[in-house]
């Protein structure tokens, strides 16, 4: 995965993420929008034949978009750990039956 900064201001960040599509970006957008300091977050897949996605984050007040993006990715990683743990438990329970 390659990330390229397209636009960066005090409360805006626009990046291009190569090698990712709807799967990652939809989860990232949802995590960002759960944050009260986010004015707007979204993503765009410019063309289905090209393997890149544009992610846009606009924050409120003095919140840096980079910090919001980092926090959202940490939230996703935490949820992934929780899911993995729950899935492993469910699988063990199912195998015992």
Protein backbone atom coordinates (compact mmCIF):
# COMPACT_ATOMS: atom_id res chain seq x y z
CA UNK A 1 0.00 0.00 0.00
CA UNK A 2 1.33 3.41 -0.97
CA UNK A 3 -0.06 6.67 0.45
CA UNK A 4 0.42 10.02 -1.24
CA UNK A 5 -0.65 13.37 0.27
CA UNK A 6 -2.61 15.36 -2.30
CA UNK A 7 -3.73 18.28 -0.12
CA UNK A 8 -2.90 19.30 3.42
CA UNK A 9 -4.05 22.31 5.43
CA UNK A 10 -4.60 22.93 9.12
CA UNK A 11 -7.97 21.16 9.07
CA UNK A 12 -8.06 19.30 5.73
CA UNK A 13 -6.26 16.24 4.46
CA UNK A 14 -6.70 14.60 1.09
CA UNK A 15 -4.67 11.47 0.38
CA UNK A 16 -4.44 8.90 -2.37
CA UNK A 17 -4.20 5.30 -1.19
CA UNK A 18 -2.88 2.90 -3.81
CA UNK A 19 -3.75 -0.76 -3.52
CA UNK A 20 -6.96 -0.28 -1.54
CA UNK A 21 -10.59 0.16 -2.45
CA UNK A 22 -13.97 0.18 -0.79
CA UNK A 23 -13.13 -2.47 1.81
CA UNK A 24 -10.61 -0.49 3.82
CA UNK A 25 -11.84 2.99 2.98
CA UNK A 26 -15.45 2.32 3.98
CA UNK A 27 -14.34 1.10 7.42
CA UNK A 28 -11.98 4.08 7.73
CA UNK A 29 -14.74 6.54 6.80
CA UNK A 30 -17.10 5.01 9.36
CA UNK A 31 -14.48 5.22 12.13
CA UNK A 32 -13.70 8.84 11.23
CA UNK A 33 -17.37 9.85 11.26
CA UNK A 34 -17.77 8.46 14.79
CA UNK A 35 -15.40 11.24 15.94
CA UNK A 36 -17.17 14.46 17.02
CA UNK A 37 -14.24 16.57 15.81
CA UNK A 38 -14.77 15.48 12.20
CA UNK A 39 -16.67 17.92 10.00
CA UNK A 40 -16.60 15.62 6.99
CA UNK A 41 -14.92 12.38 5.94
CA UNK A 42 -15.29 10.45 2.75
CA UNK A 43 -13.57 8.59 -0.01
CA UNK A 44 -13.79 8.24 -3.75
CA UNK A 45 -12.74 5.50 -6.12
CA UNK A 46 -12.00 7.59 -9.24
CA UNK A 47 -12.07 4.68 -11.67
CA UNK A 48 -12.85 0.98 -11.11
CA UNK A 49 -9.96 -0.16 -13.32
CA UNK A 50 -7.33 1.75 -11.32
CA UNK A 51 -6.26 0.47 -7.93
CA UNK A 52 -6.33 3.72 -5.96
CA UNK A 53 -8.74 5.56 -3.70
CA UNK A 54 -8.92 9.19 -2.60
CA UNK A 55 -9.63 9.75 1.12
CA UNK A 56 -10.73 13.16 2.39
CA UNK A 57 -10.86 14.34 6.03
CA UNK A 58 -12.02 17.76 7.24
CA UNK A 59 -11.85 18.49 10.98
CA UNK A 60 -13.50 21.06 13.24
CA UNK A 61 -11.64 23.60 15.33
CA UNK A 62 -7.94 23.06 15.90
CA UNK A 63 -8.02 19.27 15.49
CA UNK A 64 -5.38 18.12 13.04
CA UNK A 65 -6.73 15.74 10.38
CA UNK A 66 -3.58 13.62 10.66
CA UNK A 67 -4.32 13.01 14.35
CA UNK A 68 -7.94 12.11 13.57
CA UNK A 69 -6.84 9.70 10.85
CA UNK A 70 -4.29 8.05 13.15
CA UNK A 71 -6.90 7.67 15.91
CA UNK A 72 -9.38 6.16 13.44
CA UNK A 73 -6.83 3.59 12.25
CA UNK A 74 -6.04 2.67 15.86
CA UNK A 75 -9.77 2.21 16.50
CA UNK A 76 -10.03 -0.09 13.48
CA UNK A 77 -7.07 -2.17 14.67
CA UNK A 78 -8.63 -2.50 18.12
CA UNK A 79 -11.95 -3.62 16.64
CA UNK A 80 -10.14 -6.12 14.47
CA UNK A 81 -8.49 -7.64 17.56
CA UNK A 82 -11.87 -7.85 19.31
CA UNK A 83 -13.45 -9.49 16.28
CA UNK A 84 -10.60 -11.98 15.92
CA UNK A 85 -10.90 -12.93 19.61
CA UNK A 86 -14.69 -13.35 19.39
CA UNK A 87 -14.42 -15.33 16.17
CA UNK A 88 -11.84 -17.73 17.61
CA UNK A 89 -14.05 -18.29 20.68
CA UNK A 90 -17.13 -18.90 18.53
CA UNK A 91 -15.20 -21.34 16.37
CA UNK A 92 -13.96 -23.28 19.42
CA UNK A 93 -17.48 -23.38 20.85
CA UNK A 94 -18.85 -24.64 17.54
CA UNK A 95 -16.17 -27.35 17.24
CA UNK A 96 -17.05 -28.68 20.71
CA UNK A 97 -20.62 -29.42 19.64
